[in-house]
Amino acid sequence: MLYDKSERYRNLAEQITSPEERDTVAEHKALMEATAIERNADKAIDLIAKHFRATANINVKNLPGSDPRS
């Protein structure tokens, strides 16, 4: 269920974000490096929180009735 929800919001954000606005490949690479290579849990937590927050902010700004300029 959690996977389904996260995929829903990820897909929504992906549809309305251009590669020029956000480099998710670089975000994922940084997460991989912090987790698997550096084994730096604090850095990984910070990066995943920023990653989730960016996706959430994109979706919130694009809710019906929202001002996309804010």
PDB file of N, CA and C in Angstrom:
ATOM      1  N   MET A   1       0.821  -1.188   0.000  1.00  0.00           N
ATOM      2  CA  MET A   1       0.000   0.000   0.000  1.00  0.00           C
ATOM      3  C   MET A   1       0.871   1.262   0.000  1.00  0.00           C
ATOM      4  N   LEU A   2       1.901   1.290   0.816  1.00  0.00           N
ATOM      5  CA  LEU A   2       2.779   2.450   0.852  1.00  0.00           C
ATOM      6  C   LEU A   2       3.472   2.635  -0.496  1.00  0.00           C
ATOM      7  N   TYR A   3       3.911   1.546  -1.088  1.00  0.00           N
ATOM      8  CA  TYR A   3       4.548   1.614  -2.397  1.00  0.00           C
ATOM      9  C   TYR A   3       3.594   2.225  -3.429  1.00  0.00           C
ATOM     10  N   ASP A   4       2.349   1.777  -3.417  1.00  0.00           N
ATOM     11  CA  ASP A   4       1.362   2.295  -4.368  1.00  0.00           C
ATOM     12  C   ASP A   4       1.165   3.794  -4.198  1.00  0.00           C
ATOM     13  N   LYS A   5       1.087   4.245  -2.969  1.00  0.00           N
ATOM     14  CA  LYS A   5       0.903   5.679  -2.698  1.00  0.00           C
ATOM     15  C   LYS A   5       2.119   6.476  -3.157  1.00  0.00           C
ATOM     16  N   SER A   6       3.304   5.975  -2.851  1.00  0.00           N
ATOM     17  CA  SER A   6       4.502   6.717  -3.234  1.00  0.00           C
ATOM     18  C   SER A   6       4.634   6.773  -4.754  1.00  0.00           C
ATOM     19  N   GLU A   7       4.278   5.699  -5.427  1.00  0.00           N
ATOM     20  CA  GLU A   7       4.336   5.687  -6.884  1.00  0.00           C
ATOM     21  C   GLU A   7       3.342   6.676  -7.484  1.00  0.00           C
ATOM     22  N   ARG A   8       2.198   6.786  -6.869  1.00  0.00           N
ATOM     23  CA  ARG A   8       1.184   7.726  -7.361  1.00  0.00           C
ATOM     24  C   ARG A   8       1.730   9.153  -7.339  1.00  0.00           C
ATOM     25  N   TYR A   9       2.278   9.561  -6.211  1.00  0.00           N
ATOM     26  CA  TYR A   9       2.766  10.931  -6.086  1.00  0.00           C
ATOM     27  C   TYR A   9       4.036  11.159  -6.896  1.00  0.00           C
ATOM     28  N   ARG A  10       4.859  10.138  -7.007  1.00  0.00           N
ATOM     29  CA  ARG A  10       6.056  10.253  -7.836  1.00  0.00           C
ATOM     30  C   ARG A  10       5.661  10.442  -9.296  1.00  0.00           C
ATOM     31  N   ASN A  11       4.706   9.648  -9.752  1.00  0.00           N
ATOM     32  CA  ASN A  11       4.252   9.762 -11.140  1.00  0.00           C
ATOM     33  C   ASN A  11       3.615  11.118 -11.422  1.00  0.00           C
ATOM     34  N   LEU A  12       2.837  11.626 -10.489  1.00  0.00           N
ATOM     35  CA  LEU A  12       2.237  12.948 -10.669  1.00  0.00           C
ATOM     36  C   LEU A  12       3.320  14.015 -10.797  1.00  0.00           C
ATOM     37  N   ALA A  13       4.296  13.979  -9.911  1.00  0.00           N
ATOM     38  CA  ALA A  13       5.374  14.977  -9.944  1.00  0.00           C
ATOM     39  C   ALA A  13       6.182  14.854 -11.227  1.00  0.00           C
ATOM     40  N   GLU A  14       6.418  13.642 -11.668  1.00  0.00           N
ATOM     41  CA  GLU A  14       7.205  13.416 -12.875  1.00  0.00           C
ATOM     42  C   GLU A  14       6.516  13.985 -14.115  1.00  0.00           C
ATOM     43  N   GLN A  15       5.195  13.912 -14.157  1.00  0.00           N
ATOM     44  CA  GLN A  15       4.440  14.405 -15.299  1.00  0.00           C
ATOM     45  C   GLN A  15       4.527  15.926 -15.449  1.00  0.00           C
ATOM     46  N   ILE A  16       4.723  16.635 -14.355  1.00  0.00           N
ATOM     47  CA  ILE A  16       4.680  18.097 -14.402  1.00  0.00           C
ATOM     48  C   ILE A  16       6.036  18.749 -14.156  1.00  0.00           C
ATOM     49  N   THR A  17       7.091  17.953 -14.129  1.00  0.00           N
ATOM     50  CA  THR A  17       8.432  18.488 -13.894  1.00  0.00           C
ATOM     51  C   THR A  17       9.324  18.174 -15.077  1.00  0.00           C
ATOM     52  N   SER A  18      10.008  19.181 -15.556  1.00  0.00           N
ATOM     53  CA  SER A  18      10.931  18.956 -16.673  1.00  0.00           C
ATOM     54  C   SER A  18      12.317  18.621 -16.130  1.00  0.00           C
ATOM     55  N   PRO A  19      13.143  17.958 -16.933  1.00  0.00           N
ATOM     56  CA  PRO A  19      14.507  17.632 -16.493  1.00  0.00           C
ATOM     57  C   PRO A  19      15.333  18.878 -16.133  1.00  0.00           C
ATOM     58  N   GLU A  20      14.989  20.012 -16.728  1.00  0.00           N
ATOM     59  CA  GLU A  20      15.707  21.245 -16.413  1.00  0.00           C
ATOM     60  C   GLU A  20      15.391  21.744 -14.999  1.00  0.00           C
ATOM     61  N   GLU A  21      14.222  21.369 -14.492  1.00  0.00           N
ATOM     62  CA  GLU A  21      13.794  21.814 -13.171  1.00  0.00           C
ATOM     63  C   GLU A  21      14.358  20.949 -12.036  1.00  0.00           C
ATOM     64  N   ARG A  22      14.556  19.662 -12.355  1.00  0.00           N
ATOM     65  CA  ARG A  22      14.959  18.736 -11.296  1.00  0.00           C
ATOM     66  C   ARG A  22      15.705  17.559 -11.903  1.00  0.00           C
ATOM     67  N   ASP A  23      16.848  17.245 -11.333  1.00  0.00           N
ATOM     68  CA  ASP A  23      17.674  16.138 -11.829  1.00  0.00           C
ATOM     69  C   ASP A  23      17.527  14.958 -10.870  1.00  0.00           C
ATOM     70  N   THR A  24      16.490  14.154 -11.096  1.00  0.00           N
ATOM     71  CA  THR A  24      16.234  13.040 -10.184  1.00  0.00           C
ATOM     72  C   THR A  24      17.302  11.953 -10.289  1.00  0.00           C
ATOM     73  N   VAL A  25      17.939  11.841 -11.450  1.00  0.00           N
ATOM     74  CA  VAL A  25      19.030  10.871 -11.581  1.00  0.00           C
ATOM     75  C   VAL A  25      20.166  11.248 -10.637  1.00  0.00           C
ATOM     76  N   ALA A  26      20.511  12.528 -10.582  1.00  0.00           N
ATOM     77  CA  ALA A  26      21.557  12.991  -9.669  1.00  0.00           C
ATOM     78  C   ALA A  26      21.133  12.817  -8.211  1.00  0.00           C
ATOM     79  N   GLU A  27      19.860  13.069  -7.929  1.00  0.00           N
ATOM     80  CA  GLU A  27      19.356  12.877  -6.560  1.00  0.00           C
ATOM     81  C   GLU A  27      19.488  11.417  -6.148  1.00  0.00           C
ATOM     82  N   HIS A  28      19.100  10.517  -7.034  1.00  0.00           N
ATOM     83  CA  HIS A  28      19.181   9.084  -6.728  1.00  0.00           C
ATOM     84  C   HIS A  28      20.637   8.621  -6.602  1.00  0.00           C
ATOM     85  N   LYS A  29      21.504   9.165  -7.433  1.00  0.00           N
ATOM     86  CA  LYS A  29      22.927   8.807  -7.350  1.00  0.00           C
ATOM     87  C   LYS A  29      23.512   9.254  -6.015  1.00  0.00           C
ATOM     88  N   ALA A  30      23.174  10.465  -5.587  1.00  0.00           N
ATOM     89  CA  ALA A  30      23.664  10.970  -4.296  1.00  0.00           C
ATOM     90  C   ALA A  30      23.160  10.102  -3.151  1.00  0.00           C
ATOM     91  N   LEU A  31      21.902   9.668  -3.240  1.00  0.00           N
ATOM     92  CA  LEU A  31      21.348   8.773  -2.214  1.00  0.00           C
ATOM     93  C   LEU A  31      22.091   7.440  -2.184  1.00  0.00           C
ATOM     94  N   MET A  32      22.353   6.890  -3.351  1.00  0.00           N
ATOM     95  CA  MET A  32      23.075   5.620  -3.437  1.00  0.00           C
ATOM     96  C   MET A  32      24.477   5.754  -2.844  1.00  0.00           C
ATOM     97  N   GLU A  33      25.153   6.828  -3.210  1.00  0.00           N
ATOM     98  CA  GLU A  33      26.517   7.026  -2.707  1.00  0.00           C
ATOM     99  C   GLU A  33      26.535   7.195  -1.192  1.00  0.00           C
ATOM    100  N   ALA A  34      25.614   7.982  -0.665  1.00  0.00           N
ATOM    101  CA  ALA A  34      25.567   8.195   0.787  1.00  0.00           C
ATOM    102  C   ALA A  34      25.247   6.907   1.527  1.00  0.00           C
ATOM    103  N   THR A  35      24.367   6.102   0.938  1.00  0.00           N
ATOM    104  CA  THR A  35      23.917   4.883   1.608  1.00  0.00           C
ATOM    105  C   THR A  35      24.882   3.716   1.415  1.00  0.00           C
ATOM    106  N   ALA A  36      25.141   3.381   0.182  1.00  0.00           N
ATOM    107  CA  ALA A  36      25.893   2.161  -0.119  1.00  0.00           C
ATOM    108  C   ALA A  36      27.402   2.345  -0.114  1.00  0.00           C
ATOM    109  N   ILE A  37      27.860   3.475  -0.569  1.00  0.00           N
ATOM    110  CA  ILE A  37      29.303   3.662  -0.699  1.00  0.00           C
ATOM    111  C   ILE A  37      29.892   4.292   0.561  1.00  0.00           C
ATOM    112  N   GLU A  38      29.311   5.431   0.971  1.00  0.00           N
ATOM    113  CA  GLU A  38      29.840   6.132   2.144  1.00  0.00           C
ATOM    114  C   GLU A  38      29.334   5.561   3.465  1.00  0.00           C
ATOM    115  N   ARG A  39      28.212   4.873   3.409  1.00  0.00           N
ATOM    116  CA  ARG A  39      27.556   4.349   4.617  1.00  0.00           C
ATOM    117  C   ARG A  39      27.342   5.446   5.655  1.00  0.00           C
ATOM    118  N   ASN A  40      26.875   6.589   5.146  1.00  0.00           N
ATOM    119  CA  ASN A  40      26.656   7.767   5.967  1.00  0.00           C
ATOM    120  C   ASN A  40      25.148   7.935   6.174  1.00  0.00           C
ATOM    121  N   ALA A  41      24.650   7.378   7.268  1.00  0.00           N
ATOM    122  CA  ALA A  41      23.210   7.371   7.522  1.00  0.00           C
ATOM    123  C   ALA A  41      22.649   8.779   7.666  1.00  0.00           C
ATOM    124  N   ASP A  42      23.359   9.667   8.351  1.00  0.00           N
ATOM    125  CA  ASP A  42      22.859  11.028   8.541  1.00  0.00           C
ATOM    126  C   ASP A  42      22.703  11.747   7.205  1.00  0.00           C
ATOM    127  N   LYS A  43      23.669  11.590   6.341  1.00  0.00           N
ATOM    128  CA  LYS A  43      23.610  12.216   5.013  1.00  0.00           C
ATOM    129  C   LYS A  43      22.472  11.606   4.200  1.00  0.00           C
ATOM    130  N   ALA A  44      22.330  10.293   4.259  1.00  0.00           N
ATOM    131  CA  ALA A  44      21.272   9.613   3.512  1.00  0.00           C
ATOM    132  C   ALA A  44      19.887  10.066   3.987  1.00  0.00           C
ATOM    133  N   ILE A  45      19.723  10.207   5.291  1.00  0.00           N
ATOM    134  CA  ILE A  45      18.447  10.673   5.842  1.00  0.00           C
ATOM    135  C   ILE A  45      18.142  12.082   5.351  1.00  0.00           C
ATOM    136  N   ASP A  46      19.139  12.950   5.366  1.00  0.00           N
ATOM    137  CA  ASP A  46      18.962  14.320   4.894  1.00  0.00           C
ATOM    138  C   ASP A  46      18.583  14.335   3.410  1.00  0.00           C
ATOM    139  N   LEU A  47      19.276  13.548   2.615  1.00  0.00           N
ATOM    140  CA  LEU A  47      19.004  13.514   1.178  1.00  0.00           C
ATOM    141  C   LEU A  47      17.618  12.950   0.858  1.00  0.00           C
ATOM    142  N   ILE A  48      17.215  11.887   1.543  1.00  0.00           N
ATOM    143  CA  ILE A  48      15.905  11.298   1.249  1.00  0.00           C
ATOM    144  C   ILE A  48      14.786  12.228   1.695  1.00  0.00           C
ATOM    145  N   ALA A  49      15.000  12.928   2.802  1.00  0.00           N
ATOM    146  CA  ALA A  49      13.994  13.901   3.262  1.00  0.00           C
ATOM    147  C   ALA A  49      13.843  15.028   2.237  1.00  0.00           C
ATOM    148  N   LYS A  50      14.961  15.537   1.719  1.00  0.00           N
ATOM    149  CA  LYS A  50      14.898  16.588   0.698  1.00  0.00           C
ATOM    150  C   LYS A  50      14.232  16.076  -0.576  1.00  0.00           C
ATOM    151  N   HIS A  51      14.550  14.852  -0.933  1.00  0.00           N
ATOM    152  CA  HIS A  51      13.983  14.230  -2.132  1.00  0.00           C
ATOM    153  C   HIS A  51      12.461  14.102  -2.000  1.00  0.00           C
ATOM    154  N   PHE A  52      11.991  13.579  -0.887  1.00  0.00           N
ATOM    155  CA  PHE A  52      10.552  13.437  -0.653  1.00  0.00           C
ATOM    156  C   PHE A  52       9.871  14.798  -0.583  1.00  0.00           C
ATOM    157  N   ARG A  53      10.519  15.748   0.105  1.00  0.00           N
ATOM    158  CA  ARG A  53       9.949  17.088   0.260  1.00  0.00           C
ATOM    159  C   ARG A  53       9.811  17.775  -1.103  1.00  0.00           C
ATOM    160  N   ALA A  54      10.808  17.630  -1.964  1.00  0.00           N
ATOM    161  CA  ALA A  54      10.744  18.244  -3.293  1.00  0.00           C
ATOM    162  C   ALA A  54       9.567  17.675  -4.090  1.00  0.00           C
ATOM    163  N   THR A  55       9.381  16.373  -4.025  1.00  0.00           N
ATOM    164  CA  THR A  55       8.264  15.734  -4.724  1.00  0.00           C
ATOM    165  C   THR A  55       6.933  16.213  -4.152  1.00  0.00           C
ATOM    166  N   ALA A  56       6.835  16.266  -2.843  1.00  0.00           N
ATOM    167  CA  ALA A  56       5.596  16.730  -2.211  1.00  0.00           C
ATOM    168  C   ALA A  56       5.300  18.178  -2.582  1.00  0.00           C
ATOM    169  N   ASN A  57       6.318  19.025  -2.571  1.00  0.00           N
ATOM    170  CA  ASN A  57       6.113  20.441  -2.902  1.00  0.00           C
ATOM    171  C   ASN A  57       5.634  20.615  -4.340  1.00  0.00           C
ATOM    172  N   ILE A  58       6.173  19.831  -5.254  1.00  0.00           N
ATOM    173  CA  ILE A  58       5.728  19.888  -6.651  1.00  0.00           C
ATOM    174  C   ILE A  58       4.250  19.538  -6.737  1.00  0.00           C
ATOM    175  N   ASN A  59       3.855  18.480  -6.060  1.00  0.00           N
ATOM    176  CA  ASN A  59       2.457  18.050  -6.106  1.00  0.00           C
ATOM    177  C   ASN A  59       1.529  19.053  -5.442  1.00  0.00           C
ATOM    178  N   VAL A  60       1.920  19.611  -4.313  1.00  0.00           N
ATOM    179  CA  VAL A  60       1.083  20.586  -3.612  1.00  0.00           C
ATOM    180  C   VAL A  60       0.886  21.831  -4.471  1.00  0.00           C
ATOM    181  N   LYS A  61       1.956  22.288  -5.105  1.00  0.00           N
ATOM    182  CA  LYS A  61       1.852  23.495  -5.946  1.00  0.00           C
ATOM    183  C   LYS A  61       0.937  23.277  -7.140  1.00  0.00           C
ATOM    184  N   ASN A  62       0.706  22.045  -7.512  1.00  0.00           N
ATOM    185  CA  ASN A  62      -0.111  21.748  -8.687  1.00  0.00           C
ATOM    186  C   ASN A  62      -1.486  21.200  -8.337  1.00  0.00           C
ATOM    187  N   LEU A  63      -1.896  21.329  -7.096  1.00  0.00           N
ATOM    188  CA  LEU A  63      -3.248  20.942  -6.717  1.00  0.00           C
ATOM    189  C   LEU A  63      -4.243  21.895  -7.377  1.00  0.00           C
ATOM    190  N   PRO A  64      -5.424  21.406  -7.723  1.00  0.00           N
ATOM    191  CA  PRO A  64      -6.432  22.309  -8.274  1.00  0.00           C
ATOM    192  C   PRO A  64      -6.692  23.468  -7.311  1.00  0.00           C
ATOM    193  N   GLY A  65      -6.688  24.666  -7.847  1.00  0.00           N
ATOM    194  CA  GLY A  65      -6.925  25.852  -7.020  1.00  0.00           C
ATOM    195  C   GLY A  65      -5.663  26.471  -6.446  1.00  0.00           C
ATOM    196  N   SER A  66      -4.522  25.807  -6.613  1.00  0.00           N
ATOM    197  CA  SER A  66      -3.256  26.346  -6.109  1.00  0.00           C
ATOM    198  C   SER A  66      -2.691  27.338  -7.113  1.00  0.00           C
ATOM    199  N   ASP A  67      -1.937  28.287  -6.598  1.00  0.00           N
ATOM    200  CA  ASP A  67      -1.243  29.249  -7.458  1.00  0.00           C
ATOM    201  C   ASP A  67       0.111  28.663  -7.784  1.00  0.00           C
ATOM    202  N   PRO A  68       0.365  28.203  -9.015  1.00  0.00           N
ATOM    203  CA  PRO A  68       1.644  27.558  -9.352  1.00  0.00           C
ATOM    204  C   PRO A  68       2.839  28.480  -9.261  1.00  0.00           C
ATOM    205  N   ARG A  69       2.594  29.796  -9.166  1.00  0.00           N
ATOM    206  CA  ARG A  69       3.710  30.752  -9.057  1.00  0.00           C
ATOM    207  C   ARG A  69       4.257  30.835  -7.643  1.00  0.00           C
ATOM    208  N   SER A  70       3.531  30.322  -6.667  1.00  0.00           N
ATOM    209  CA  SER A  70       3.987  30.434  -5.264  1.00  0.00           C
ATOM    210  C   SER A  70       4.899  29.307  -4.876  1.00  0.00           C
TER     211      SER A  70
END
